[in-house]
């Protein structure tokens, strides 16, 4: 089983231009993601896919591998699929989103666990426990409902399901990391966008609308994503707080 990890890193982000190069602590965001990916022992190769030489040069400077891709891709998955075309020796391709600087090797291992266990799902993603008080009504948090086999029934920014009656439901906080069988990824990239995908602005709905399945792998907790400049400020605050805690702990140990 050969697994390729691709980090799509787009310079021309509408909400946050040059986002992959934004410094978190003393490292650009794309380096945070790359270092987490190469620390995952299940990956046979890790590459950054970008349309911009500024990002490519940054990746080369910290010793990473980069592949130049078309500037015309509508989604990160389309960019990942372009790279996958050149890696025919790979069985599974992972989309490690470039706006996930705090993703962990453990999470990435959980994402590909079904393939390593001998299964062959078309696609996998991650879900963690949903904060029903704050996360459930928040349209910035994507929710995923699952069937009894752990496959996604639907993804939405809306609070789903509607609880007419009190109870529990298999709804989780969706984390935007994806793994694909390589053959399915190349097929998916040729499919036309779908109505629900466009309404919700969630590209994974295309998979469900065409009748394919997505296996939702459990993980224990969410990590901070960086989609906006405000998220970037929060990410730097998080890193600063973590550094202070380590300093305090070291002082206590001494």
Protein backbone atom coordinates (compact mmCIF):
# COMPACT_ATOMS: atom_id res chain seq x y z
CA UNK A 1 0.00 0.00 0.00
CA UNK A 2 1.63 3.23 -1.20
CA UNK A 3 0.23 6.51 0.12
CA UNK A 4 0.89 9.98 -1.27
CA UNK A 5 0.11 13.10 0.78
CA UNK A 6 -0.54 16.29 -1.17
CA UNK A 7 -0.80 19.71 0.47
CA UNK A 8 -2.71 22.11 -1.80
CA UNK A 9 -1.39 25.62 -1.12
CA UNK A 10 -3.05 28.39 -3.14
CA UNK A 11 -1.65 31.91 -3.11
CA UNK A 12 -4.72 33.62 -4.55
CA UNK A 13 -7.13 32.87 -1.71
CA UNK A 14 -10.09 35.25 -1.78
CA UNK A 15 -10.57 35.54 1.97
CA UNK A 16 -6.88 35.53 2.89
CA UNK A 17 -4.42 36.15 0.01
CA UNK A 18 -0.96 34.60 0.48
CA UNK A 19 -2.32 32.52 3.36
CA UNK A 20 0.21 29.64 3.03
CA UNK A 21 3.06 32.14 3.59
CA UNK A 22 1.54 33.76 6.68
CA UNK A 23 3.87 33.30 9.65
CA UNK A 24 2.61 31.33 12.63
CA UNK A 25 5.25 31.77 15.28
CA UNK A 26 8.47 31.73 13.29
CA UNK A 27 7.37 29.46 10.43
CA UNK A 28 5.08 29.94 7.42
CA UNK A 29 1.81 28.06 7.67
CA UNK A 30 2.64 25.72 4.80
CA UNK A 31 5.72 24.55 6.71
CA UNK A 32 3.64 23.66 9.76
CA UNK A 33 1.42 21.45 7.60
CA UNK A 34 4.35 19.90 5.73
CA UNK A 35 6.19 18.99 8.94
CA UNK A 36 3.09 17.30 10.35
CA UNK A 37 2.63 15.32 7.14
CA UNK A 38 6.22 14.08 6.91
CA UNK A 39 5.97 13.00 10.57
CA UNK A 40 3.19 10.57 9.62
CA UNK A 41 4.95 7.26 9.07
CA UNK A 42 2.15 5.91 6.87
CA UNK A 43 2.97 8.35 4.04
CA UNK A 44 5.43 7.26 1.38
CA UNK A 45 5.75 10.74 -0.14
CA UNK A 46 4.66 14.27 0.77
CA UNK A 47 4.44 17.13 -1.74
CA UNK A 48 3.08 20.67 -1.75
CA UNK A 49 0.93 21.56 -4.78
CA UNK A 50 0.79 25.24 -5.66
CA UNK A 51 0.15 27.61 -8.54
CA UNK A 52 2.57 30.29 -7.35
CA UNK A 53 6.36 30.51 -7.43
CA UNK A 54 6.44 32.45 -4.16
CA UNK A 55 4.99 29.49 -2.32
CA UNK A 56 7.18 27.08 -4.31
CA UNK A 57 10.32 29.00 -3.33
CA UNK A 58 9.26 29.03 0.31
CA UNK A 59 8.78 25.24 0.29
CA UNK A 60 12.16 24.69 -1.35
CA UNK A 61 13.84 26.91 1.26
CA UNK A 62 12.68 24.73 4.14
CA UNK A 63 13.62 21.56 2.23
CA UNK A 64 10.18 20.46 1.06
CA UNK A 65 9.08 18.94 -2.22
CA UNK A 66 6.83 21.05 -4.43
CA UNK A 67 4.85 20.47 -7.63
CA UNK A 68 3.62 23.34 -9.77
CA UNK A 69 -0.05 23.08 -10.79
CA UNK A 70 -2.57 24.98 -12.88
CA UNK A 71 -3.87 28.33 -11.53
CA UNK A 72 -7.35 27.48 -12.83
CA UNK A 73 -8.41 24.84 -10.32
CA UNK A 74 -11.70 25.58 -8.54
CA UNK A 75 -10.93 23.44 -5.48
CA UNK A 76 -8.00 22.04 -3.55
CA UNK A 77 -9.09 18.52 -4.49
CA UNK A 78 -8.78 19.37 -8.18
CA UNK A 79 -5.21 20.52 -7.49
CA UNK A 80 -4.49 17.29 -5.63
CA UNK A 81 -5.90 15.26 -8.51
CA UNK A 82 -3.56 16.97 -10.99
CA UNK A 83 -0.59 15.90 -8.88
CA UNK A 84 -1.97 12.36 -8.49
CA UNK A 85 -1.90 11.90 -12.26
CA UNK A 86 1.91 11.87 -12.09
CA UNK A 87 2.13 9.30 -9.28
CA UNK A 88 0.81 6.11 -10.86
CA UNK A 89 2.67 4.04 -8.27
CA UNK A 90 0.45 5.34 -5.46
CA UNK A 91 -2.67 3.51 -4.27
CA UNK A 92 -4.07 6.18 -1.96
CA UNK A 93 -3.84 9.98 -2.19
CA UNK A 94 -4.40 12.20 0.84
CA UNK A 95 -5.53 15.82 0.66
CA UNK A 96 -3.87 17.49 3.67
CA UNK A 97 -5.46 20.92 3.61
CA UNK A 98 -2.93 23.73 3.64
CA UNK A 99 -4.99 25.68 6.19
CA UNK A 100 -4.58 23.02 8.90
CA UNK A 101 -1.33 24.08 10.61
CA UNK A 102 -2.10 22.10 13.78
CA UNK A 103 -3.02 18.79 12.17
CA UNK A 104 -1.25 15.91 13.90
CA UNK A 105 0.41 12.75 12.55
CA UNK A 106 -2.08 10.77 14.69
CA UNK A 107 -5.04 12.37 12.89
CA UNK A 108 -3.49 11.63 9.52
CA UNK A 109 -2.95 8.01 10.54
CA UNK A 110 -6.60 7.75 11.57
CA UNK A 111 -7.61 9.13 8.17
CA UNK A 112 -5.85 6.33 6.25
CA UNK A 113 -6.48 3.54 8.79
CA UNK A 114 -9.19 1.80 6.71
CA UNK A 115 -6.82 1.37 3.76
CA UNK A 116 -4.08 0.00 5.99
CA UNK A 117 -6.59 -2.45 7.49
CA UNK A 118 -7.25 -3.93 4.06
CA UNK A 119 -10.41 -2.01 3.21
CA UNK A 120 -10.79 -0.07 -0.03
CA UNK A 121 -13.20 2.85 0.49
CA UNK A 122 -13.58 5.32 -2.32
CA UNK A 123 -12.88 8.13 0.12
CA UNK A 124 -12.40 8.81 3.83
CA UNK A 125 -12.58 11.89 6.02
CA UNK A 126 -12.47 12.74 9.74
CA UNK A 127 -15.16 13.53 12.28
CA UNK A 128 -14.78 14.47 15.93
CA UNK A 129 -17.29 15.06 18.75
CA UNK A 130 -19.51 18.06 18.07
CA UNK A 131 -20.03 20.74 20.72
CA UNK A 132 -23.82 20.78 20.68
CA UNK A 133 -24.06 24.07 22.55
CA UNK A 134 -21.69 26.20 20.46
CA UNK A 135 -20.78 24.18 17.36
CA UNK A 136 -24.22 22.83 16.43
CA UNK A 137 -25.75 26.23 15.52
CA UNK A 138 -22.50 27.71 14.11
CA UNK A 139 -22.57 27.93 10.29
CA UNK A 140 -18.76 28.13 10.23
CA UNK A 141 -18.58 24.57 11.59
CA UNK A 142 -19.45 21.82 9.13
CA UNK A 143 -21.55 19.00 10.50
CA UNK A 144 -21.66 15.45 9.16
CA UNK A 145 -24.42 12.91 9.78
CA UNK A 146 -23.44 9.24 9.55
CA UNK A 147 -25.26 5.98 8.93
CA UNK A 148 -24.86 2.90 11.10
CA UNK A 149 -21.78 1.82 9.18
CA UNK A 150 -19.96 5.13 9.67
CA UNK A 151 -20.58 6.43 6.16
CA UNK A 152 -21.57 10.05 5.61
CA UNK A 153 -25.25 10.68 4.94
CA UNK A 154 -24.91 14.45 4.55
CA UNK A 155 -22.62 17.39 5.29
CA UNK A 156 -24.03 20.80 6.14
CA UNK A 157 -23.21 24.18 7.60
CA UNK A 158 -26.72 24.18 9.07
CA UNK A 159 -27.58 22.53 12.39
CA UNK A 160 -28.47 18.95 11.44
CA UNK A 161 -30.47 16.93 12.27
CA UNK A 162 -33.49 18.89 13.47
CA UNK A 163 -34.31 17.54 16.93
CA UNK A 164 -38.09 17.48 16.96
CA UNK A 165 -37.77 14.90 19.72
CA UNK A 166 -35.10 14.83 22.42
CA UNK A 167 -32.37 12.29 21.90
CA UNK A 168 -28.96 11.65 20.40
CA UNK A 169 -27.90 11.39 16.77
CA UNK A 170 -24.74 10.35 14.89
CA UNK A 171 -23.74 13.93 14.04
CA UNK A 172 -20.11 15.00 14.21
CA UNK A 173 -17.88 18.02 13.69
CA UNK A 174 -16.37 17.47 10.26
CA UNK A 175 -12.65 18.09 9.78
CA UNK A 176 -11.66 18.87 6.19
CA UNK A 177 -9.02 16.22 5.58
CA UNK A 178 -9.59 13.61 2.87
CA UNK A 179 -8.06 10.40 1.58
CA UNK A 180 -8.99 8.81 -1.74
CA UNK A 181 -8.32 5.68 -3.66
CA UNK A 182 -6.24 7.12 -6.47
CA UNK A 183 -8.47 5.74 -9.20
CA UNK A 184 -11.55 7.27 -7.56
CA UNK A 185 -9.86 10.65 -7.09
CA UNK A 186 -9.09 10.85 -10.80
CA UNK A 187 -12.70 9.93 -11.59
CA UNK A 188 -14.09 12.42 -9.06
CA UNK A 189 -12.09 15.26 -10.60
CA UNK A 190 -13.90 14.68 -13.90
CA UNK A 191 -17.40 14.93 -12.40
CA UNK A 192 -19.43 18.09 -12.86
CA UNK A 193 -20.16 20.15 -9.71
CA UNK A 194 -23.55 19.35 -8.19
CA UNK A 195 -26.46 21.44 -6.84
CA UNK A 196 -26.02 20.66 -3.13
CA UNK A 197 -22.26 21.11 -3.40
CA UNK A 198 -22.82 24.58 -4.82
CA UNK A 199 -25.55 25.53 -2.32
CA UNK A 200 -23.49 24.57 0.72
CA UNK A 201 -20.08 25.36 -0.81
CA UNK A 202 -18.91 21.91 0.33
CA UNK A 203 -17.13 19.98 -2.41
CA UNK A 204 -17.45 16.62 -0.64
CA UNK A 205 -21.21 16.68 -1.31
CA UNK A 206 -20.41 16.00 -4.97
CA UNK A 207 -19.31 12.52 -3.96
CA UNK A 208 -22.62 11.78 -2.21
CA UNK A 209 -24.74 13.33 -4.95
CA UNK A 210 -23.22 10.97 -7.51
CA UNK A 211 -24.01 8.01 -5.27
CA UNK A 212 -20.54 7.23 -3.90
CA UNK A 213 -19.67 6.73 -0.23
CA UNK A 214 -17.41 8.57 2.20
CA UNK A 215 -16.22 6.71 5.27
CA UNK A 216 -16.01 8.98 8.31
CA UNK A 217 -13.08 8.03 10.55
CA UNK A 218 -13.25 9.08 14.20
CA UNK A 219 -10.73 11.37 15.82
CA UNK A 220 -10.77 12.76 19.33
CA UNK A 221 -10.74 16.52 18.93
CA UNK A 222 -10.80 19.38 16.46
CA UNK A 223 -7.83 21.53 15.58
CA UNK A 224 -7.83 25.20 14.67
CA UNK A 225 -8.16 25.90 10.94
CA UNK A 226 -6.96 29.15 9.37
CA UNK A 227 -9.45 30.46 6.83
CA UNK A 228 -9.38 34.19 7.57
CA UNK A 229 -6.96 36.80 8.94
CA UNK A 230 -8.86 36.57 12.23
CA UNK A 231 -8.14 32.83 12.40
CA UNK A 232 -4.47 33.59 11.75
CA UNK A 233 -4.41 35.94 14.76
CA UNK A 234 -5.98 33.19 16.88
CA UNK A 235 -3.40 30.69 15.62
CA UNK A 236 -0.54 32.92 16.68
CA UNK A 237 -2.14 33.46 20.08
CA UNK A 238 -2.43 29.69 20.46
CA UNK A 239 1.26 29.18 19.61
CA UNK A 240 2.28 31.93 22.03
CA UNK A 241 0.22 30.39 24.83
CA UNK A 242 1.68 26.94 24.14
CA UNK A 243 5.21 28.35 24.29
CA UNK A 244 4.47 30.04 27.63
CA UNK A 245 3.14 26.79 29.07
CA UNK A 246 6.27 24.90 27.98
CA UNK A 247 8.47 27.59 29.53
CA UNK A 248 6.54 27.47 32.79
CA UNK A 249 6.69 23.65 32.87
CA UNK A 250 10.44 23.69 32.23
CA UNK A 251 10.92 26.14 35.09
CA UNK A 252 8.95 23.88 37.46
CA UNK A 253 10.96 20.81 36.43
CA UNK A 254 14.26 22.63 37.07
